[in-house]
Amino acid sequence: MKRKTLKALAVALAMTTVFSMGSANVFAEETTEAAASDEDQAAADEVAALIDAIYVQTRTDDTDAQCEAAKAAWDALTDEQKELVEGENADPDYFGRDTGDASLDDARNQDDIGENEILVVSFGTSFNDSRVEDIKAIEDAIAEAYPDWSVRRAFTAQIIINHVQSRDGEAIDNVEQALERAVANGVKNLVIQPTHLMHGAEYDELVEAVEEYADQFESVTVAEPLLGEVGDDATVINEDKAAVAEAVVAAAVESSDYDSLEAAAEDGTAIVLMGHGTSHTAKVSYSQMQTQMEELGYENVFIGTVEGEPEETACEAVIESVYAAGYTKVILRPLMVVAGDHANNDMAGEDEDSWLSMFNASGYFESVDTQIEGMGRIEAVQELYVAHTAAAIESLGLDGSADTDEAEDATETAALADGVYTVDFDTDSSMFHVNEALDGKATLTVENGEMTVHVSLVSQSIVNLYYGLAADAETEGAVLLEPTIDTVTYSDGTTEEVYGFDIPVPALDEEYDVALIGTKGVWYDHKVSVSNPVAVE
């Protein structure tokens, strides 16, 4: 009996020893993991602090070294450590988010500028694809129009400059650096072309910065922003706002599944254009853009802003307006030059406070889609910036005409012989253009040297045209162009009856005025041109 007791005690002692050893091992492992976790977090916190240090709007003598140190520290982290990066402004996306190939961009910070410079000033974006497609596209258009001028770049957002420099190694000048570069290069005539939307706070700050350098150039001027002059109230609109409205709506329709804005409206779809918003007095520009949409008959287009200034442009207010108007589907698109952080996150992001999430959460709509495309990539918008640059150059008493050699080559052709031709028919309107079934082609008839183009339109919503200006169309005795009934056949085999018009053509490859009136009884001015005639066999 005694031996059994001793044996039991031995077994119990052995089990206790094994259990104690196991507990010690577990404790050691947990301690090691905790130590490793602390080291990982410490490494991540160091990177977060370095990012926060360069997430500032002021450039210093230490900025270049800080940018380099932040990227080096990030690259040294493991994938697990990178996920732990979190600071006041730092997160894993600062270095880790793929926004496209920065090597496709051009910082335009070269010297050897010459006497004449056009400095294109943008707020900027760290989204590489958008910087190439939107900002660089504008700069390229201006450079192509003015080959005898040197086009350079500046960003006003140092935060963005630091982000691009640290992540991609691309150095972009801020405004002060760009002006100093111009002075050092002996520039005599300097034209500043801002890509800003309006005469807001950033535009005012730019003008003030340029004024400090004015005496170091023979001539210097700041061109108009995209929307031109602001005006006093929401009813004030201008040609710039009309051009932008038509361009961005046309782009929205082209990127949608609809053939026209009218088709979108008939399907219950509204297009919501999201701007930034501002507390500056220029915020009335957003209200004016809504007025402009209404004047153009774009009843299913709504203007909103991230900042909710003006008040009626806040997301909640826009949701209620779209719902009250009876639309059941929504397309969200930025009313911004670039498709950067606001477009990707505030508009189309996954967070509950993004516009996409809020529109969906309202429960009002069957579908909410997004188009992440900046306005800078739209050709008509680029042309408007070129026109503003031209006006600024002319204001200095210099040659403001763009390079027209290519256009002159196109028009230096012999007069067309009598006959029938297929031609390209181009307009400045998203409503007034050739039906998509015809691939932009119209039919030109030349008889006794007189040219007339027949255009099949997209619907029957345009009831009359006038060869000239809208103001003249409303005068007594004005000869209006009457529609024909044309049948078009789409790629899927379906057909549709639309209106067509026979329009006089004064010359090829030259814009001329044609006014239109729709079912609402309002006349609008438009520019059209006819080009590339090919004889019909």
Protein backbone atom coordinates (compact mmCIF):
# COMPACT_ATOMS: atom_id res chain seq x y z
CA MET A 1 0.00 0.00 0.00
CA LYS A 2 2.79 2.31 0.89
CA ARG A 3 4.58 1.52 -2.39
CA LYS A 4 1.44 2.39 -4.39
CA THR A 5 1.18 5.72 -2.60
CA LEU A 6 4.81 6.56 -3.31
CA LYS A 7 4.37 5.62 -6.97
CA ALA A 8 1.31 7.85 -7.28
CA LEU A 9 3.18 10.71 -5.70
CA ALA A 10 6.03 10.23 -8.18
CA VAL A 11 3.67 10.29 -11.13
CA ALA A 12 1.95 13.44 -9.83
CA LEU A 13 5.31 15.11 -9.26
CA ALA A 14 6.40 14.25 -12.80
CA MET A 15 3.17 15.64 -14.27
CA THR A 16 3.54 18.81 -12.24
CA THR A 17 7.08 19.22 -13.50
CA VAL A 18 6.02 18.71 -17.13
CA PHE A 19 3.12 21.17 -16.72
CA SER A 20 5.41 23.76 -15.17
CA MET A 21 7.91 23.37 -17.97
CA GLY A 22 5.10 23.73 -20.57
CA SER A 23 3.78 26.88 -18.90
CA ALA A 24 7.26 28.34 -18.84
CA ASN A 25 7.64 27.66 -22.58
CA VAL A 26 4.27 29.28 -23.37
CA PHE A 27 5.16 32.26 -21.22
CA ALA A 28 8.51 32.57 -22.98
CA GLU A 29 6.85 32.41 -26.40
CA GLU A 30 4.26 35.04 -25.43
CA THR A 31 7.01 37.27 -24.06
CA THR A 32 9.00 36.89 -27.30
CA GLU A 33 5.91 37.63 -29.44
CA ALA A 34 5.13 40.68 -27.32
CA ALA A 35 8.68 41.93 -27.71
CA ALA A 36 8.52 41.37 -31.46
CA SER A 37 5.16 43.13 -31.65
CA ASP A 38 6.56 46.11 -29.76
CA GLU A 39 9.53 46.27 -32.13
CA ASP A 40 7.23 46.10 -35.17
CA GLN A 41 5.04 48.88 -33.85
CA ALA A 42 8.07 51.00 -32.95
CA ALA A 43 9.43 50.65 -36.50
CA ALA A 44 6.01 51.52 -37.95
CA ASP A 45 5.65 54.50 -35.61
CA GLU A 46 9.02 55.83 -36.73
CA VAL A 47 7.85 55.81 -40.35
CA ALA A 48 4.54 57.43 -39.39
CA ALA A 49 6.43 60.23 -37.66
CA LEU A 50 8.62 60.77 -40.73
CA ILE A 51 5.55 60.93 -42.97
CA ASP A 52 3.84 63.41 -40.66
CA ALA A 53 6.98 65.54 -40.75
CA ILE A 54 6.72 65.98 -44.55
CA TYR A 55 2.93 66.26 -44.60
CA VAL A 56 3.23 70.02 -44.31
CA GLN A 57 2.58 73.01 -46.55
CA THR A 58 5.91 74.74 -45.91
CA ARG A 59 9.13 73.76 -47.62
CA THR A 60 12.35 74.06 -45.56
CA ASP A 61 16.04 73.39 -46.08
CA ASP A 62 15.48 69.94 -44.54
CA THR A 63 12.60 68.88 -46.81
CA ASP A 64 14.66 66.96 -49.38
CA ALA A 65 16.49 64.96 -46.69
CA GLN A 66 13.24 64.30 -44.81
CA CYS A 67 11.56 62.96 -47.96
CA GLU A 68 14.46 60.63 -48.61
CA ALA A 69 14.56 59.42 -44.99
CA ALA A 70 10.83 58.68 -44.92
CA LYS A 71 10.96 56.53 -48.06
CA ALA A 72 14.09 54.68 -46.89
CA ALA A 73 12.48 53.88 -43.54
CA TRP A 74 9.31 52.66 -45.28
CA ASP A 75 11.28 50.41 -47.64
CA ALA A 76 13.02 48.84 -44.62
CA LEU A 77 9.72 47.69 -43.08
CA THR A 78 8.30 44.21 -43.53
CA ASP A 79 4.86 43.88 -45.11
CA GLU A 80 3.38 43.23 -41.66
CA GLN A 81 5.05 46.33 -40.23
CA LYS A 82 3.79 48.51 -43.10
CA GLU A 83 0.21 47.65 -42.14
CA LEU A 84 0.87 49.11 -38.68
CA VAL A 85 1.83 52.58 -39.96
CA GLU A 86 -0.60 55.12 -38.55
CA GLY A 87 -0.07 58.75 -37.60
CA GLU A 88 -1.83 62.09 -37.70
CA ASN A 89 -1.70 62.01 -41.50
CA ALA A 90 0.24 58.81 -42.11
CA ASP A 91 -1.20 55.47 -43.19
CA PRO A 92 -0.04 52.49 -45.28
CA ASP A 93 -1.47 54.07 -48.45
CA TYR A 94 0.95 57.02 -48.33
CA PHE A 95 3.71 54.90 -49.85
CA GLY A 96 1.83 51.67 -50.51
CA ARG A 97 -1.08 52.70 -52.74
CA ASP A 98 -0.60 52.09 -56.45
CA THR A 99 -1.70 55.25 -58.30
CA GLY A 100 -0.03 54.57 -61.63
CA ASP A 101 3.34 54.99 -63.31
CA ALA A 102 5.05 58.24 -62.30
CA SER A 103 7.67 57.78 -65.03
CA LEU A 104 5.03 58.77 -67.61
CA ASP A 105 4.88 62.26 -66.12
CA ASP A 106 7.06 65.28 -66.86
CA ALA A 107 7.86 67.57 -63.94
CA ARG A 108 8.75 70.35 -66.41
CA ASN A 109 11.42 71.72 -64.08
CA GLN A 110 14.09 72.02 -66.76
CA ASP A 111 16.29 75.09 -67.12
CA ASP A 112 17.26 76.64 -70.48
CA ILE A 113 13.86 78.30 -70.58
CA GLY A 114 14.59 81.20 -72.89
CA GLU A 115 12.98 84.65 -72.88
CA ASN A 116 9.32 83.54 -73.02
CA GLU A 117 7.77 81.21 -70.44
CA ILE A 118 4.27 79.91 -69.77
CA LEU A 119 4.15 78.65 -66.19
CA VAL A 120 1.20 76.30 -65.66
CA VAL A 121 0.28 76.36 -61.97
CA SER A 122 -1.88 73.60 -60.46
CA PHE A 123 -2.89 72.62 -56.96
CA GLY A 124 -1.47 69.21 -57.84
CA THR A 125 -2.24 65.56 -57.16
CA SER A 126 -0.27 62.60 -55.85
CA PHE A 127 -2.30 60.22 -58.03
CA ASN A 128 0.16 59.50 -60.82
CA ASP A 129 -2.36 58.46 -63.47
CA SER A 130 -4.41 61.61 -62.95
CA ARG A 131 -1.32 63.82 -62.94
CA VAL A 132 -0.44 62.44 -66.36
CA GLU A 133 -3.94 62.35 -67.86
CA ASP A 134 -5.20 65.63 -66.43
CA ILE A 135 -2.42 68.08 -65.52
CA LYS A 136 0.22 66.98 -68.01
CA ALA A 137 -2.44 66.84 -70.73
CA ILE A 138 -3.25 70.53 -70.19
CA GLU A 139 0.45 71.43 -70.18
CA ASP A 140 1.01 69.41 -73.35
CA ALA A 141 -1.89 71.15 -75.11
CA ILE A 142 -0.48 74.58 -74.24
CA ALA A 143 3.03 73.53 -75.29
CA GLU A 144 1.71 72.28 -78.63
CA ALA A 145 -0.17 75.53 -79.20
CA TYR A 146 2.90 77.65 -78.34
CA PRO A 147 6.03 75.84 -79.55
CA ASP A 148 8.06 79.07 -79.35
CA TRP A 149 7.35 79.40 -75.61
CA SER A 150 8.79 77.23 -72.85
CA VAL A 151 6.08 75.58 -70.75
CA ARG A 152 6.98 74.87 -67.13
CA ARG A 153 5.08 73.54 -64.09
CA ALA A 154 4.45 74.56 -60.50
CA PHE A 155 2.20 73.09 -57.79
CA THR A 156 0.75 75.15 -54.96
CA ALA A 157 0.34 72.19 -52.57
CA GLN A 158 3.70 71.48 -50.90
CA ILE A 159 2.08 68.49 -49.20
CA ILE A 160 1.54 66.92 -52.61
CA ILE A 161 5.00 67.93 -53.87
CA ASN A 162 6.57 66.17 -50.85
CA HIS A 163 4.41 63.09 -51.34
CA VAL A 164 5.38 62.67 -55.00
CA GLN A 165 9.05 63.43 -54.30
CA SER A 166 9.38 60.97 -51.40
CA ARG A 167 7.40 58.14 -52.99
CA ASP A 168 8.37 58.45 -56.68
CA GLY A 169 11.53 60.54 -56.71
CA GLU A 170 9.88 63.17 -58.92
CA ALA A 171 10.79 66.75 -57.95
CA ILE A 172 8.10 69.31 -58.80
CA ASP A 173 8.65 73.03 -58.24
CA ASN A 174 6.42 75.00 -55.90
CA VAL A 175 5.46 78.49 -57.06
CA GLU A 176 8.42 80.21 -55.39
CA GLN A 177 10.89 77.70 -56.83
CA ALA A 178 9.39 78.06 -60.30
CA LEU A 179 9.57 81.87 -60.16
CA GLU A 180 13.14 81.75 -58.91
CA ARG A 181 13.97 79.37 -61.77
CA ALA A 182 12.44 81.82 -64.25
CA VAL A 183 14.49 84.70 -62.85
CA ALA A 184 17.70 82.66 -62.87
CA ASN A 185 17.07 81.70 -66.51
CA GLY A 186 16.61 85.29 -67.62
CA VAL A 187 12.97 85.01 -68.62
CA LYS A 188 11.64 88.32 -69.91
CA ASN A 189 7.98 87.59 -70.60
CA LEU A 190 6.14 85.38 -68.11
CA VAL A 191 2.56 84.18 -68.45
CA ILE A 192 1.05 82.27 -65.53
CA GLN A 193 -1.77 79.90 -66.52
CA PRO A 194 -3.49 78.51 -63.43
CA THR A 195 -5.48 75.30 -63.81
CA HIS A 196 -7.63 76.34 -60.84
CA LEU A 197 -11.38 76.14 -61.32
CA MET A 198 -12.24 79.67 -60.20
CA HIS A 199 -11.11 82.98 -58.73
CA GLY A 200 -10.91 81.50 -55.23
CA ALA A 201 -8.45 81.66 -52.36
CA GLU A 202 -5.71 79.71 -54.16
CA TYR A 203 -5.97 81.97 -57.21
CA ASP A 204 -5.71 85.05 -54.97
CA GLU A 205 -2.65 83.61 -53.21
CA LEU A 206 -1.04 82.88 -56.56
CA VAL A 207 -1.55 86.45 -57.75
CA GLU A 208 0.01 87.76 -54.53
CA ALA A 209 3.05 85.48 -54.95
CA VAL A 210 3.55 86.57 -58.56
CA GLU A 211 3.27 90.26 -57.66
CA GLU A 212 6.37 89.94 -55.47
CA TYR A 213 8.40 88.97 -58.55
CA ALA A 214 6.74 91.33 -61.04
CA ASP A 215 9.66 93.77 -61.16
CA GLN A 216 12.07 91.00 -62.21
CA PHE A 217 10.43 90.51 -65.61
CA GLU A 218 9.76 92.83 -68.50
CA SER A 219 6.16 91.65 -68.53
CA VAL A 220 4.15 89.22 -66.41
CA THR A 221 0.46 88.37 -66.15
CA VAL A 222 -1.84 85.76 -64.64
CA ALA A 223 -4.41 84.24 -67.01
CA GLU A 224 -8.02 83.40 -66.20
CA PRO A 225 -8.94 80.21 -64.32
CA LEU A 226 -11.18 77.65 -65.99
CA LEU A 227 -14.59 79.20 -65.20
CA GLY A 228 -13.55 82.79 -65.93
CA GLU A 229 -14.95 85.74 -64.00
CA VAL A 230 -17.09 84.99 -60.95
CA GLY A 231 -19.99 87.45 -61.16
CA ASP A 232 -22.19 88.76 -58.37
CA ASP A 233 -24.86 86.10 -57.93
CA ALA A 234 -26.06 82.65 -58.92
CA THR A 235 -27.67 83.89 -62.14
CA VAL A 236 -24.40 85.17 -63.66
CA ILE A 237 -23.04 82.78 -66.26
CA ASN A 238 -20.57 83.22 -69.11
CA GLU A 239 -19.12 81.48 -72.16
CA ASP A 240 -16.44 79.76 -70.07
CA LYS A 241 -19.00 78.18 -67.77
CA ALA A 242 -21.11 77.12 -70.74
CA ALA A 243 -18.10 75.51 -72.44
CA VAL A 244 -17.12 73.64 -69.26
CA ALA A 245 -20.69 72.51 -68.62
CA GLU A 246 -21.06 71.14 -72.12
CA ALA A 247 -17.64 69.49 -72.06
CA VAL A 248 -17.97 67.70 -68.73
CA VAL A 249 -21.52 66.54 -69.42
CA ALA A 250 -20.49 65.24 -72.84
CA ALA A 251 -17.63 63.34 -71.20
CA ALA A 252 -19.98 61.91 -68.57
CA VAL A 253 -22.38 60.68 -71.25
CA GLU A 254 -19.53 59.22 -73.29
CA SER A 255 -18.27 57.27 -70.25
CA SER A 256 -21.76 55.99 -69.46
CA ASP A 257 -23.93 53.34 -71.08
CA TYR A 258 -26.15 56.01 -72.65
CA ASP A 259 -26.17 57.48 -76.14
CA SER A 260 -27.18 60.93 -74.92
CA LEU A 261 -28.06 62.94 -71.84
CA GLU A 262 -31.71 62.72 -72.85
CA ALA A 263 -31.48 58.93 -72.93
CA ALA A 264 -30.03 58.96 -69.42
CA ALA A 265 -32.86 61.18 -68.19
CA GLU A 266 -35.47 58.95 -69.81
CA ASP A 267 -33.95 55.99 -67.95
CA GLY A 268 -34.24 57.88 -64.67
CA THR A 269 -30.52 58.65 -64.35
CA ALA A 270 -29.08 61.83 -62.86
CA ILE A 271 -25.48 62.97 -63.26
CA VAL A 272 -24.03 64.50 -60.09
CA LEU A 273 -20.85 66.54 -60.51
CA MET A 274 -18.88 66.87 -57.25
CA GLY A 275 -16.66 69.93 -56.84
CA HIS A 276 -14.47 70.86 -53.90
CA GLY A 277 -16.40 73.77 -52.40
CA THR A 278 -15.01 76.82 -50.65
CA SER A 279 -15.85 79.43 -48.03
CA HIS A 280 -14.40 82.08 -50.38
CA THR A 281 -16.89 84.43 -52.01
CA ALA A 282 -16.14 82.63 -55.27
CA LYS A 283 -18.29 79.74 -54.01
CA VAL A 284 -21.14 81.32 -55.95
CA SER A 285 -19.43 79.81 -59.01
CA TYR A 286 -20.91 76.42 -58.09
CA SER A 287 -24.40 77.92 -57.96
CA GLN A 288 -23.71 79.57 -61.31
CA MET A 289 -22.72 76.21 -62.77
CA GLN A 290 -26.07 74.80 -61.64
CA THR A 291 -27.75 77.76 -63.36
CA GLN A 292 -25.68 77.05 -66.45
CA MET A 293 -26.84 73.42 -66.49
CA GLU A 294 -30.44 74.57 -66.31
CA GLU A 295 -29.92 77.13 -69.09
CA LEU A 296 -28.53 74.38 -71.30
CA GLY A 297 -31.55 72.22 -70.59
CA TYR A 298 -29.53 69.69 -68.58
CA GLU A 299 -32.31 69.05 -66.07
CA ASN A 300 -30.79 65.80 -64.80
CA VAL A 301 -27.39 67.30 -63.95
CA PHE A 302 -26.73 68.40 -60.35
CA ILE A 303 -23.79 70.26 -58.79
CA GLY A 304 -22.42 69.30 -55.37
CA THR A 305 -19.29 69.99 -53.31
CA VAL A 306 -17.19 68.08 -50.79
CA GLU A 307 -17.13 71.04 -48.40
CA GLY A 308 -20.86 71.72 -48.72
CA GLU A 309 -20.30 75.37 -49.54
CA PRO A 310 -22.63 76.72 -50.85
CA GLU A 311 -25.08 74.92 -48.55
CA GLU A 312 -27.26 73.59 -51.35
CA THR A 313 -24.24 71.70 -52.70
CA ALA A 314 -23.76 69.55 -49.57
CA CYS A 315 -24.08 65.82 -50.20
CA GLU A 316 -27.27 65.46 -48.14
CA ALA A 317 -28.89 68.39 -49.96
CA VAL A 318 -27.95 67.01 -53.38
CA ILE A 319 -29.33 63.58 -52.47
CA GLU A 320 -32.67 65.14 -51.56
CA SER A 321 -32.71 67.25 -54.74
CA VAL A 322 -32.01 64.26 -56.98
CA TYR A 323 -34.64 62.19 -55.18
CA ALA A 324 -37.24 64.96 -55.28
CA ALA A 325 -36.69 65.31 -59.02
CA GLY A 326 -37.70 61.68 -59.44
CA TYR A 327 -34.42 60.12 -60.56
CA THR A 328 -33.77 56.54 -59.48
CA LYS A 329 -30.20 56.08 -60.76
CA VAL A 330 -27.11 58.21 -60.21
CA ILE A 331 -23.74 58.70 -61.87
CA LEU A 332 -21.17 60.48 -59.67
CA ARG A 333 -18.33 62.34 -61.39
CA PRO A 334 -15.81 64.96 -60.17
CA LEU A 335 -16.20 68.61 -61.16
CA MET A 336 -12.45 68.89 -60.65
CA VAL A 337 -9.47 69.24 -62.94
CA VAL A 338 -7.85 66.12 -61.48
CA ALA A 339 -9.23 62.79 -60.34
CA GLY A 340 -7.16 62.63 -57.19
CA ASP A 341 -7.82 62.11 -53.50
CA HIS A 342 -11.26 63.75 -53.49
CA ALA A 343 -12.49 61.75 -56.48
CA ASN A 344 -11.05 58.43 -55.31
CA ASN A 345 -11.84 58.76 -51.62
CA ASP A 346 -14.44 61.47 -50.87
CA MET A 347 -16.52 60.57 -53.90
CA ALA A 348 -15.89 56.89 -54.68
CA GLY A 349 -14.32 55.60 -51.46
CA GLU A 350 -15.53 52.74 -49.27
CA ASP A 351 -15.84 54.77 -46.05
CA GLU A 352 -19.35 55.47 -44.84
CA ASP A 353 -18.96 59.22 -45.37
CA SER A 354 -18.03 58.97 -49.05
CA TRP A 355 -20.62 60.23 -51.54
CA LEU A 356 -20.96 56.75 -53.01
CA SER A 357 -21.71 55.30 -49.58
CA MET A 358 -24.09 58.12 -48.60
CA PHE A 359 -26.07 57.93 -51.84
CA ASN A 360 -26.39 54.17 -51.41
CA ALA A 361 -27.26 54.49 -47.71
CA SER A 362 -30.13 56.86 -48.51
CA GLY A 363 -32.08 53.94 -49.96
CA TYR A 364 -33.49 56.21 -52.65
CA PHE A 365 -31.67 54.84 -55.67
CA GLU A 366 -31.58 51.59 -57.63
CA SER A 367 -27.94 52.11 -58.60
CA VAL A 368 -25.09 54.54 -57.92
CA ASP A 369 -22.10 54.47 -60.27
CA THR A 370 -18.89 56.51 -60.30
CA GLN A 371 -16.67 57.93 -63.03
CA ILE A 372 -13.21 58.71 -61.69
CA GLU A 373 -12.09 61.07 -64.44
CA GLY A 374 -10.67 64.58 -64.07
CA MET A 375 -11.70 67.40 -66.40
CA GLY A 376 -8.11 68.04 -67.46
CA ARG A 377 -8.20 65.06 -69.85
CA ILE A 378 -11.17 66.50 -71.78
CA GLU A 379 -10.00 68.06 -75.04
CA ALA A 380 -12.53 70.89 -74.92
CA VAL A 381 -11.28 71.86 -71.45
CA GLN A 382 -7.69 71.84 -72.68
CA GLU A 383 -8.72 74.11 -75.55
CA LEU A 384 -10.31 76.52 -73.09
CA TYR A 385 -7.05 76.78 -71.14
CA VAL A 386 -5.20 77.40 -74.41
CA ALA A 387 -7.66 80.20 -75.20
CA HIS A 388 -7.10 81.77 -71.78
CA THR A 389 -3.35 81.57 -72.31
CA ALA A 390 -3.76 83.25 -75.70
CA ALA A 391 -5.73 86.12 -74.17
CA ALA A 392 -3.08 86.59 -71.48
CA ILE A 393 -0.27 86.72 -74.04
CA GLU A 394 -2.20 89.22 -76.14
CA SER A 395 -2.78 91.37 -73.05
CA LEU A 396 1.00 91.81 -72.86
CA GLY A 397 1.06 93.11 -76.41
CA LEU A 398 2.76 89.91 -77.62
CA ASP A 399 1.71 87.45 -80.30
CA GLY A 400 -1.12 85.45 -78.73
CA SER A 401 -1.95 83.36 -81.78
CA ALA A 402 -1.39 79.64 -81.40
CA ASP A 403 0.61 77.65 -83.89
CA THR A 404 -1.72 77.28 -86.87
CA ASP A 405 0.60 75.68 -89.41
CA GLU A 406 -1.24 72.38 -89.20
CA ALA A 407 -4.62 74.05 -89.58
CA GLU A 408 -3.37 76.11 -92.51
CA ASP A 409 -2.05 72.99 -94.21
CA ALA A 410 -5.47 71.41 -93.84
CA THR A 411 -7.27 74.35 -95.45
CA GLU A 412 -4.81 74.95 -98.25
CA THR A 413 -6.65 72.58 -100.56
CA ALA A 414 -8.34 73.20 -103.86
CA ALA A 415 -12.07 73.94 -103.89
CA LEU A 416 -14.13 70.77 -103.86
CA ALA A 417 -15.63 69.68 -107.13
CA ASP A 418 -19.38 69.29 -107.31
CA GLY A 419 -20.44 65.98 -105.86
CA VAL A 420 -21.26 64.10 -102.66
CA TYR A 421 -18.76 63.48 -99.85
CA THR A 422 -18.66 61.91 -96.40
CA VAL A 423 -17.26 64.38 -93.85
CA ASP A 424 -16.54 64.77 -90.16
CA PHE A 425 -19.07 67.04 -88.45
CA ASP A 426 -17.77 68.47 -85.17
CA THR A 427 -19.62 70.61 -82.64
CA ASP A 428 -19.01 72.08 -79.19
CA SER A 429 -22.16 70.50 -77.77
CA SER A 430 -23.00 67.19 -76.09
CA MET A 431 -26.59 67.54 -77.32
CA PHE A 432 -26.03 68.62 -80.92
CA HIS A 433 -23.92 66.10 -82.79
CA VAL A 434 -24.02 63.27 -85.28
CA ASN A 435 -25.89 60.14 -84.22
CA GLU A 436 -23.53 57.48 -82.87
CA ALA A 437 -24.74 55.01 -85.49
CA LEU A 438 -22.93 57.12 -88.11
CA ASP A 439 -19.51 57.30 -86.38
CA GLY A 440 -19.38 61.09 -86.51
CA LYS A 441 -19.91 61.18 -90.26
CA ALA A 442 -22.28 63.45 -92.19
CA THR A 443 -22.98 63.89 -95.88
CA LEU A 444 -21.67 66.94 -97.73
CA THR A 445 -23.21 67.96 -101.05
CA VAL A 446 -21.38 70.43 -103.31
CA GLU A 447 -23.40 72.00 -106.11
CA ASN A 448 -22.17 74.94 -108.18
CA GLY A 449 -19.53 75.51 -105.51
CA GLU A 450 -22.13 75.82 -102.71
CA MET A 451 -21.72 73.36 -99.84
CA THR A 452 -24.47 71.87 -97.66
CA VAL A 453 -24.00 69.19 -95.01
CA HIS A 454 -26.77 66.81 -93.95
CA VAL A 455 -26.53 65.74 -90.32
CA SER A 456 -28.62 63.01 -88.67
CA LEU A 457 -28.89 63.89 -84.97
CA VAL A 458 -29.35 61.74 -81.85
CA SER A 459 -33.06 62.34 -81.28
CA GLN A 460 -35.97 64.63 -82.12
CA SER A 461 -35.33 67.05 -79.27
CA ILE A 462 -33.84 69.80 -81.50
CA VAL A 463 -36.76 71.20 -83.50
CA ASN A 464 -35.08 73.94 -85.55
CA LEU A 465 -31.62 75.21 -86.49
CA TYR A 466 -30.52 78.63 -87.64
CA TYR A 467 -27.45 79.36 -89.75
CA GLY A 468 -26.04 82.16 -87.58
CA LEU A 469 -26.43 83.44 -84.04
CA ALA A 470 -29.31 82.79 -81.64
CA ALA A 471 -30.02 86.51 -81.30
CA ASP A 472 -30.68 86.74 -85.05
CA ALA A 473 -32.79 83.58 -85.08
CA GLU A 474 -35.39 85.32 -82.95
CA THR A 475 -35.76 88.32 -85.26
CA GLU A 476 -38.73 88.71 -87.56
CA GLY A 477 -38.20 87.10 -90.94
CA ALA A 478 -35.39 84.80 -89.80
CA VAL A 479 -35.18 81.71 -92.01
CA LEU A 480 -35.12 78.62 -89.81
CA LEU A 481 -33.82 75.25 -90.93
CA GLU A 482 -36.56 72.63 -90.78
CA PRO A 483 -35.88 69.02 -89.78
CA THR A 484 -36.16 65.91 -91.88
CA ILE A 485 -37.12 62.50 -90.52
CA ASP A 486 -34.08 60.22 -90.76
CA THR A 487 -33.93 56.53 -89.86
CA VAL A 488 -30.67 55.33 -88.29
CA THR A 489 -29.63 51.72 -87.70
CA TYR A 490 -27.58 50.87 -84.63
CA SER A 491 -24.93 48.15 -84.30
CA ASP A 492 -27.42 45.79 -82.63
CA GLY A 493 -29.74 46.04 -85.63
CA THR A 494 -32.35 48.26 -84.01
CA THR A 495 -33.57 51.36 -85.82
CA GLU A 496 -34.78 54.76 -84.70
CA GLU A 497 -36.34 57.81 -86.32
CA VAL A 498 -34.41 60.99 -85.54
CA TYR A 499 -34.31 64.52 -86.88
CA GLY A 500 -31.81 65.49 -89.56
CA PHE A 501 -30.89 68.93 -90.91
CA ASP A 502 -29.38 70.37 -94.09
CA ILE A 503 -26.92 73.03 -92.91
CA PRO A 504 -25.00 75.49 -95.13
CA VAL A 505 -21.18 75.20 -94.99
CA PRO A 506 -19.23 78.43 -95.67
CA ALA A 507 -15.80 76.73 -95.68
CA LEU A 508 -14.10 73.49 -94.69
CA ASP A 509 -12.02 73.20 -91.52
CA GLU A 510 -13.36 76.47 -90.09
CA GLU A 511 -15.73 76.92 -87.18
CA TYR A 512 -18.94 78.80 -87.82
CA ASP A 513 -22.12 79.66 -85.91
CA VAL A 514 -25.26 77.53 -85.84
CA ALA A 515 -28.00 78.20 -83.31
CA LEU A 516 -30.51 75.60 -82.14
CA ILE A 517 -33.85 75.55 -80.39
CA GLY A 518 -35.22 72.56 -78.51
CA THR A 519 -38.62 71.54 -77.23
CA LYS A 520 -38.29 74.04 -74.37
CA GLY A 521 -38.31 76.96 -76.81
CA VAL A 522 -34.91 78.44 -75.90
CA TRP A 523 -32.26 79.32 -78.52
CA TYR A 524 -28.61 78.40 -77.94
CA ASP A 525 -25.45 79.36 -79.82
CA HIS A 526 -23.03 76.67 -80.96
CA LYS A 527 -19.92 76.30 -83.07
CA VAL A 528 -19.66 73.65 -85.78
CA SER A 529 -17.08 72.67 -88.37
CA VAL A 530 -16.88 70.32 -91.35
CA SER A 531 -13.65 68.56 -92.34
CA ASN A 532 -12.00 65.58 -94.04
CA PRO A 533 -14.18 65.22 -97.16
CA VAL A 534 -14.07 61.84 -98.91
CA ALA A 535 -15.83 61.50 -102.23
CA VAL A 536 -18.68 59.01 -102.36
CA GLU A 537 -18.08 56.61 -105.23
